[in-house]
N, C-alpha and C. Protein backbone atom coordinates (compact mmCIF):
# COMPACT_ATOMS: atom_id res chain seq x y z
N MET A 1 0.75 -1.31 0.04
CA MET A 1 -0.29 0.26 -0.06
C MET A 1 0.63 1.12 -0.17
N THR A 2 0.62 2.03 -1.10
CA THR A 2 1.57 3.59 -1.08
C THR A 2 0.23 4.85 -0.53
N ASP A 3 0.93 5.66 -0.29
CA ASP A 3 0.08 6.87 -0.15
C ASP A 3 0.35 8.04 -1.30
N ARG A 4 0.65 7.43 -2.49
CA ARG A 4 0.98 8.00 -3.74
C ARG A 4 -0.29 8.03 -4.52
N PRO A 5 -1.06 9.11 -4.78
CA PRO A 5 -2.14 8.87 -5.58
C PRO A 5 -2.07 8.77 -6.93
N ALA A 6 -3.33 7.95 -7.34
CA ALA A 6 -3.47 6.92 -8.63
C ALA A 6 -2.97 7.46 -9.82
N GLY A 7 -2.10 7.05 -10.69
CA GLY A 7 -1.63 7.44 -11.95
C GLY A 7 0.13 8.21 -11.88
N VAL A 8 0.43 8.43 -10.38
CA VAL A 8 1.68 9.09 -10.46
C VAL A 8 2.76 8.19 -10.15
N ARG A 9 3.80 8.18 -11.33
CA ARG A 9 4.92 7.09 -11.17
C ARG A 9 5.69 7.54 -10.43
N VAL A 10 6.74 6.98 -9.91
CA VAL A 10 8.00 7.29 -9.06
C VAL A 10 9.32 7.12 -10.04
N ARG A 11 9.45 5.81 -10.36
CA ARG A 11 10.25 5.18 -11.04
C ARG A 11 9.35 4.20 -12.52
N GLY A 12 10.15 4.05 -13.42
CA GLY A 12 9.58 3.25 -14.57
C GLY A 12 8.59 4.35 -15.57
N ASP A 13 8.85 5.51 -15.71
CA ASP A 13 8.09 6.23 -16.28
C ASP A 13 8.81 6.09 -17.71
N LYS A 14 8.06 6.06 -18.84
CA LYS A 14 8.72 6.00 -20.22
C LYS A 14 9.51 7.37 -20.15
N ILE A 15 10.26 6.98 -21.64
CA ILE A 15 11.46 8.55 -21.84
C ILE A 15 10.18 9.57 -21.85
N PRO A 16 10.79 10.89 -21.75
CA PRO A 16 9.83 11.72 -22.17
C PRO A 16 9.35 12.42 -23.14
N ARG A 17 9.84 11.97 -24.22
CA ARG A 17 9.15 12.37 -25.76
C ARG A 17 8.30 11.43 -26.08
N THR A 18 7.70 10.47 -25.44
CA THR A 18 6.96 9.59 -25.25
C THR A 18 5.57 10.09 -24.92
N TYR A 19 5.53 11.23 -23.98
CA TYR A 19 4.47 11.61 -23.51
C TYR A 19 4.03 13.32 -24.42
N THR A 20 4.75 13.39 -25.38
CA THR A 20 4.34 14.40 -26.19
C THR A 20 4.56 14.38 -27.42
N GLU A 21 3.80 15.71 -28.21
CA GLU A 21 3.40 15.21 -29.30
C GLU A 21 4.54 16.73 -30.24
N GLY A 22 4.90 16.71 -31.61
CA GLY A 22 5.71 17.27 -31.67
C GLY A 22 6.97 17.03 -32.13
N ALA A 23 7.76 17.78 -32.50
CA ALA A 23 8.88 17.84 -32.51
C ALA A 23 10.05 18.39 -31.28
N TRP A 24 10.82 17.52 -30.90
CA TRP A 24 11.65 17.67 -29.58
C TRP A 24 12.58 19.03 -29.52
N PRO A 25 13.25 19.95 -29.08
CA PRO A 25 12.07 20.01 -28.12
C PRO A 25 11.24 21.28 -28.07
N HIS A 26 11.71 22.12 -29.13
CA HIS A 26 10.72 23.08 -29.20
C HIS A 26 9.37 23.51 -29.91
N ASP A 27 9.08 22.47 -30.53
CA ASP A 27 7.39 21.89 -30.82
C ASP A 27 6.93 21.31 -29.89
N ALA A 28 7.51 20.85 -29.03
CA ALA A 28 6.82 19.37 -28.58
C ALA A 28 5.87 19.92 -27.51
N VAL A 29 4.76 19.30 -26.98
CA VAL A 29 3.60 19.76 -26.63
C VAL A 29 3.36 18.28 -25.22
N PRO A 30 3.58 18.44 -24.24
CA PRO A 30 3.16 17.59 -23.52
C PRO A 30 1.49 17.35 -23.33
N GLN A 31 1.32 15.78 -23.27
CA GLN A 31 -0.42 15.73 -23.37
C GLN A 31 -0.58 15.70 -22.18
N ALA A 32 -1.99 15.71 -21.89
CA ALA A 32 -2.81 15.95 -20.91
C ALA A 32 -2.43 14.97 -19.32
N ASP A 33 -1.97 13.93 -19.89
CA ASP A 33 -1.68 13.06 -18.43
C ASP A 33 -0.12 12.83 -18.18
N ALA A 34 0.93 13.60 -19.19
CA ALA A 34 2.33 13.71 -18.76
C ALA A 34 2.87 13.86 -17.27
N PRO A 35 3.28 12.92 -16.83
CA PRO A 35 4.30 13.12 -15.63
C PRO A 35 4.87 14.36 -15.41
N PRO A 36 4.75 14.78 -14.09
CA PRO A 36 5.42 16.43 -14.12
C PRO A 36 6.74 16.13 -14.32
N PRO A 37 7.62 14.93 -14.57
CA PRO A 37 9.06 15.13 -15.05
C PRO A 37 9.76 15.33 -16.45
N VAL A 38 8.11 15.13 -17.05
CA VAL A 38 8.40 15.14 -18.51
C VAL A 38 8.41 16.77 -18.85
N HIS A 39 7.68 17.31 -18.30
CA HIS A 39 7.68 19.18 -18.41
C HIS A 39 8.92 19.54 -18.00
N TYR A 40 9.41 19.35 -17.03
CA TYR A 40 10.95 19.69 -16.26
C TYR A 40 11.71 19.23 -17.57
N SER A 41 11.60 17.92 -17.53
CA SER A 41 12.48 17.75 -18.98
C SER A 41 12.66 18.50 -20.16
N LEU A 42 11.23 18.84 -20.56
CA LEU A 42 10.97 19.16 -21.96
C LEU A 42 11.68 21.09 -21.86
N THR A 43 11.24 21.57 -20.12
CA THR A 43 12.07 22.88 -20.35
C THR A 43 13.57 22.73 -20.46
N LEU A 44 14.19 22.06 -19.77
CA LEU A 44 15.46 21.92 -19.64
C LEU A 44 15.73 21.28 -21.24
N ALA A 45 15.30 20.53 -21.71
CA ALA A 45 15.91 20.49 -23.43
C ALA A 45 16.20 21.45 -23.87
N ARG A 46 14.91 22.39 -23.92
CA ARG A 46 14.98 23.80 -24.21
C ARG A 46 15.75 24.49 -24.09
N ALA A 47 16.28 24.97 -23.00
CA ALA A 47 17.17 25.77 -22.09
C ALA A 47 18.66 25.36 -22.56
N LEU A 48 19.08 23.89 -22.72
CA LEU A 48 20.13 23.74 -23.05
C LEU A 48 20.18 23.80 -25.17
N ASP A 49 19.03 23.41 -25.57
CA ASP A 49 19.43 23.83 -27.16
C ASP A 49 19.60 25.13 -27.29
N SER A 50 18.92 26.21 -26.88
CA SER A 50 19.06 27.62 -27.07
C SER A 50 20.16 28.17 -26.41
N LEU A 51 20.84 27.33 -25.50
CA LEU A 51 22.38 27.67 -24.75
C LEU A 51 23.57 27.13 -25.85
N CYS A 52 23.36 26.24 -26.28
CA CYS A 52 24.03 25.79 -27.44
C CYS A 52 24.17 26.83 -28.54
N ALA A 53 23.20 27.26 -28.94
CA ALA A 53 22.65 27.64 -30.15
C ALA A 53 23.34 29.21 -30.15
N ARG A 54 23.12 29.61 -28.98
CA ARG A 54 23.99 31.23 -28.31
C ARG A 54 25.17 31.24 -28.40
N ARG A 55 25.43 30.39 -27.90
CA ARG A 55 27.31 30.19 -27.69
C ARG A 55 27.64 29.22 -28.83
N GLY A 56 27.05 28.94 -29.96
CA GLY A 56 28.04 28.44 -30.68
C GLY A 56 28.47 26.87 -30.52
N PHE A 57 28.33 26.14 -29.47
CA PHE A 57 28.37 24.85 -28.82
C PHE A 57 27.46 23.75 -29.88
N SER A 58 28.45 22.31 -30.00
CA SER A 58 27.34 21.36 -30.39
C SER A 58 27.01 20.42 -29.19
N HIS A 59 26.21 19.83 -29.33
CA HIS A 59 25.17 19.11 -27.89
C HIS A 59 26.97 18.22 -27.37
N ARG A 60 27.42 17.80 -27.99
CA ARG A 60 28.68 16.98 -27.90
C ARG A 60 29.64 17.98 -26.90
N ALA A 61 29.98 19.06 -27.53
CA ALA A 61 31.15 19.78 -26.66
C ALA A 61 30.43 20.04 -25.79
N LEU A 62 29.13 20.64 -25.54
CA LEU A 62 28.66 21.22 -24.41
C LEU A 62 28.93 19.71 -23.04
N SER A 63 28.48 18.53 -23.52
CA SER A 63 28.82 17.19 -22.80
C SER A 63 29.96 17.16 -22.26
N LEU A 64 30.99 17.32 -23.51
CA LEU A 64 32.20 16.76 -23.09
C LEU A 64 32.94 18.02 -21.92
N SER A 65 32.59 19.34 -22.17
CA SER A 65 32.99 20.49 -21.23
C SER A 65 32.60 20.28 -19.76
N ALA A 66 31.59 19.75 -19.67
CA ALA A 66 30.98 19.70 -18.36
C ALA A 66 31.35 18.02 -17.63
N GLY A 67 32.31 17.21 -18.44
CA GLY A 67 32.87 16.25 -17.96
C GLY A 67 31.25 14.98 -18.24
N LEU A 68 30.55 14.90 -19.03
CA LEU A 68 29.72 14.24 -19.33
C LEU A 68 30.01 13.31 -20.63
N ALA A 69 29.12 11.99 -20.61
CA ALA A 69 29.35 11.25 -21.74
C ALA A 69 29.04 12.24 -23.09
N PRO A 70 29.74 12.09 -24.19
CA PRO A 70 29.87 12.72 -25.07
C PRO A 70 28.35 13.03 -25.89
N ASN A 71 27.04 12.13 -25.74
CA ASN A 71 25.84 12.33 -26.03
C ASN A 71 24.95 12.40 -25.07
N ALA A 72 25.10 13.05 -24.02
CA ALA A 72 24.21 13.27 -22.60
C ALA A 72 23.66 14.60 -22.95
N VAL A 73 24.39 15.50 -23.69
CA VAL A 73 23.30 17.07 -23.97
C VAL A 73 22.20 16.55 -25.12
N GLY A 74 22.71 15.88 -26.30
CA GLY A 74 21.76 15.49 -26.89
C GLY A 74 20.83 14.86 -26.91
N ARG A 75 20.91 13.83 -25.84
CA ARG A 75 19.80 12.78 -25.60
C ARG A 75 18.60 13.36 -24.60
N ILE A 76 19.56 14.35 -23.83
CA ILE A 76 18.12 15.52 -23.11
C ILE A 76 17.52 16.36 -24.26
N VAL A 77 18.37 16.73 -24.55
CA VAL A 77 17.67 17.67 -25.87
C VAL A 77 16.50 17.16 -26.80
N ARG A 78 16.94 15.62 -27.19
CA ARG A 78 16.44 14.64 -27.96
C ARG A 78 14.72 14.44 -27.05
N GLY A 79 15.10 14.31 -26.19
CA GLY A 79 13.92 13.26 -24.64
C GLY A 79 14.08 12.34 -24.34
N GLU A 80 15.07 11.64 -24.84
CA GLU A 80 15.95 10.23 -24.59
C GLU A 80 15.68 9.90 -23.17
N LEU A 81 15.98 11.16 -22.18
CA LEU A 81 16.37 10.39 -20.59
C LEU A 81 15.79 11.66 -19.95
N TYR A 82 15.70 11.64 -18.83
CA TYR A 82 15.77 12.00 -17.33
C TYR A 82 16.60 12.24 -16.88
N PRO A 83 17.33 13.90 -16.99
CA PRO A 83 18.78 13.64 -16.30
C PRO A 83 18.71 13.83 -14.91
N ASP A 84 19.82 13.94 -14.29
CA ASP A 84 19.66 13.40 -12.81
C ASP A 84 20.70 14.81 -12.31
N LEU A 85 20.63 14.84 -10.91
CA LEU A 85 20.51 16.05 -10.20
C LEU A 85 22.09 16.80 -10.68
N ALA A 86 23.34 15.06 -10.43
CA ALA A 86 24.54 15.73 -10.82
C ALA A 86 24.74 15.82 -12.51
N THR A 87 24.17 15.71 -13.44
CA THR A 87 24.24 16.33 -14.81
C THR A 87 23.70 17.75 -14.68
N LEU A 88 22.59 17.64 -14.08
CA LEU A 88 22.30 19.32 -14.25
C LEU A 88 23.33 20.06 -13.47
N ALA A 89 23.89 19.69 -12.28
CA ALA A 89 24.56 20.58 -11.72
C ALA A 89 25.78 20.73 -12.49
N ARG A 90 26.76 20.11 -13.32
CA ARG A 90 27.63 19.98 -13.87
C ARG A 90 27.18 20.89 -15.24
N LEU A 91 26.31 20.52 -15.69
CA LEU A 91 25.88 21.82 -16.94
C LEU A 91 25.72 23.42 -16.32
N GLU A 92 24.90 23.72 -15.43
CA GLU A 92 24.79 24.44 -14.76
C GLU A 92 26.01 25.39 -14.47
N VAL A 93 26.81 24.72 -14.00
CA VAL A 93 28.27 25.30 -13.65
C VAL A 93 28.86 25.68 -14.72
N ILE A 94 29.31 24.72 -16.01
CA ILE A 94 29.80 24.74 -16.91
C ILE A 94 29.31 26.34 -17.71
N ALA A 95 28.06 26.04 -18.08
CA ALA A 95 27.09 27.34 -18.66
C ALA A 95 27.42 28.50 -17.79
N GLN A 96 27.42 28.52 -16.25
CA GLN A 96 27.53 29.66 -15.61
C GLN A 96 25.85 30.50 -16.13
N GLU A 97 24.67 29.74 -15.83
CA GLU A 97 23.62 30.47 -15.87
C GLU A 97 22.70 29.17 -15.65
N PRO A 98 21.82 29.77 -15.07
CA PRO A 98 20.63 28.53 -14.65
C PRO A 98 19.89 28.09 -15.70
N LEU A 99 19.77 27.02 -15.58
CA LEU A 99 19.13 25.51 -16.40
C LEU A 99 17.86 24.81 -15.74
N TYR A 100 17.86 24.55 -14.36
CA TYR A 100 16.43 24.32 -14.13
C TYR A 100 15.38 25.10 -14.14
N PRO A 101 14.40 24.49 -14.39
CA PRO A 101 13.10 25.81 -14.48
C PRO A 101 12.44 25.74 -13.47
N GLN A 102 12.83 26.54 -13.13
CA GLN A 102 12.68 27.22 -11.55
C GLN A 102 10.83 27.27 -11.30
N ALA A 103 10.58 27.20 -10.45
CA ALA A 103 8.80 27.40 -10.19
C ALA A 103 8.04 27.05 -11.21
N LEU A 104 8.43 25.99 -11.93
CA LEU A 104 7.57 25.70 -12.93
C LEU A 104 6.27 24.59 -12.42
N TYR A 105 6.42 24.00 -11.10
CA TYR A 105 5.39 23.49 -10.35
C TYR A 105 3.97 23.90 -10.03
N GLN A 106 4.29 25.26 -10.32
CA GLN A 106 3.37 25.97 -10.19
C GLN A 106 1.88 26.27 -11.31
N THR A 107 2.77 25.83 -12.48
CA THR A 107 2.22 25.87 -13.36
C THR A 107 1.64 24.25 -13.59
N LEU A 108 1.57 23.36 -12.79
CA LEU A 108 1.14 21.83 -12.85
C LEU A 108 0.39 21.49 -11.73
N ARG A 109 -0.86 21.03 -12.75
CA ARG A 109 -1.76 20.78 -11.43
C ARG A 109 -1.30 19.47 -10.71
N PRO A 110 -1.47 19.09 -9.40
CA PRO A 110 -1.18 18.01 -8.73
C PRO A 110 -2.06 17.05 -9.28
N PRO A 111 -1.51 16.00 -9.28
CA PRO A 111 -2.51 14.39 -9.55
C PRO A 111 -3.76 14.41 -8.30
N ARG A 112 -4.71 13.94 -8.98
CA ARG A 112 -6.04 13.85 -8.40
C ARG A 112 -6.15 12.27 -8.28
N PRO A 113 -6.19 11.87 -6.72
CA PRO A 113 -6.16 10.94 -5.93
C PRO A 113 -7.62 10.09 -6.77
N ASP A 114 -7.67 8.77 -6.74
CA ASP A 114 -8.77 7.78 -7.16
C ASP A 114 -10.13 8.45 -6.59
N ALA A 115 -10.96 8.15 -7.32
CA ALA A 115 -12.02 8.59 -6.56
C ALA A 115 -12.75 7.25 -6.21
N GLY A 116 -12.66 6.07 -6.76
CA GLY A 116 -13.11 5.01 -6.39
C GLY A 116 -12.18 4.01 -6.11
């Protein structure tokens, strides 16, 4: 038995892009039932892709400069994985700007418990 509302998954969510429609990251729109981490991943993917474009970095170059696997940023931008906190910290330190979506939780509705 858990105290978790129905439909809220802690582990085992599918990759972020499976919960969206449109091309990742800039044209993707989360489905109504997308779990909250999808919204965070999409916002982070957009921030990373924009950062690379502004500074003239490839996704690979940003990954390597942050001490990550060469394909890490590309996989985040394509919605293929949920980045962990260590990855986010490395990216923000190398970028010297915030990337984590602040206060995004305020725009998301908490899951509703099952009525039955």
